[in-house]
Amino acid sequence: MNNVHLGVHYHLWAMQLILKMWMVVDGDDNNNWEDRLEQALCIKIFHNDEELEGWDVTRKSTKDLFVSHSKKPLGEYMASQEYSLRTLFQHYNTGEGVNPMSHKGHPTKDMCSGINAIFGTPNRKHAIYSVIHDRYLEGEPGLRLLGRISRMSGCDPEAALRMEPDYVKSILRSLGMMEYPIVAISDGQNIPRFGDY
């Protein structure tokens, strides 16, 4: 729409993060994983500054990208975010193959190892469960972030910050998920309250 192509530098944190969790190099895909990644996420991978020649480059810091605002209507923005997440998880690492960013060719880890430990490998494909990601966004930064999200979405500006059990249960109950297991992941700062879910 704006004739802009999103680029990512091969040696920066974003690529390291992506390859730790998704887009494993395995067997025949060893030589074309970059093509698969570029096509799946509509990005261009640059290995060095020389490859930027001929491009009109606008550089953005991680913070700039994090606080940027989409001009799309909320529904379209949410759909595009969902598409990106679904695309990544269609290519999740299974513990087979190697991480191409590893200098020693370390094998990748299985993204589902935690779920396998809970439900068992053969049963995981049939398991129905909810995942709660409880991240402690302390103080003013957390309030500012959720306030911005609230203005865009109309959601409560503080409920997701507190993640009180009644709040979580009200969401899960409306989805018919209270009868299924709840898997809680956290940054470790609010673990005692997980028993209340």
Foldseek 3Di string as FASTA:
>chain_A
DPPDAAEDECPDPVVVVLLLWFQAQADPCVPPSQVVVCVLQVHHYDHDPVVCPPPPDDDDDPVRVVPDDDPDQPVVVVVVVVSSVVSRVVGTFQQHHFRPVDPVRHTHHGNCPVVCVVQNVVCSVVADEAEAEQEAPDDDVLLVVLVVVCVRPVDDSPCSNVVQVVVVCVVCVVVVHPVHYYHYHYPPPPPVRPVVD
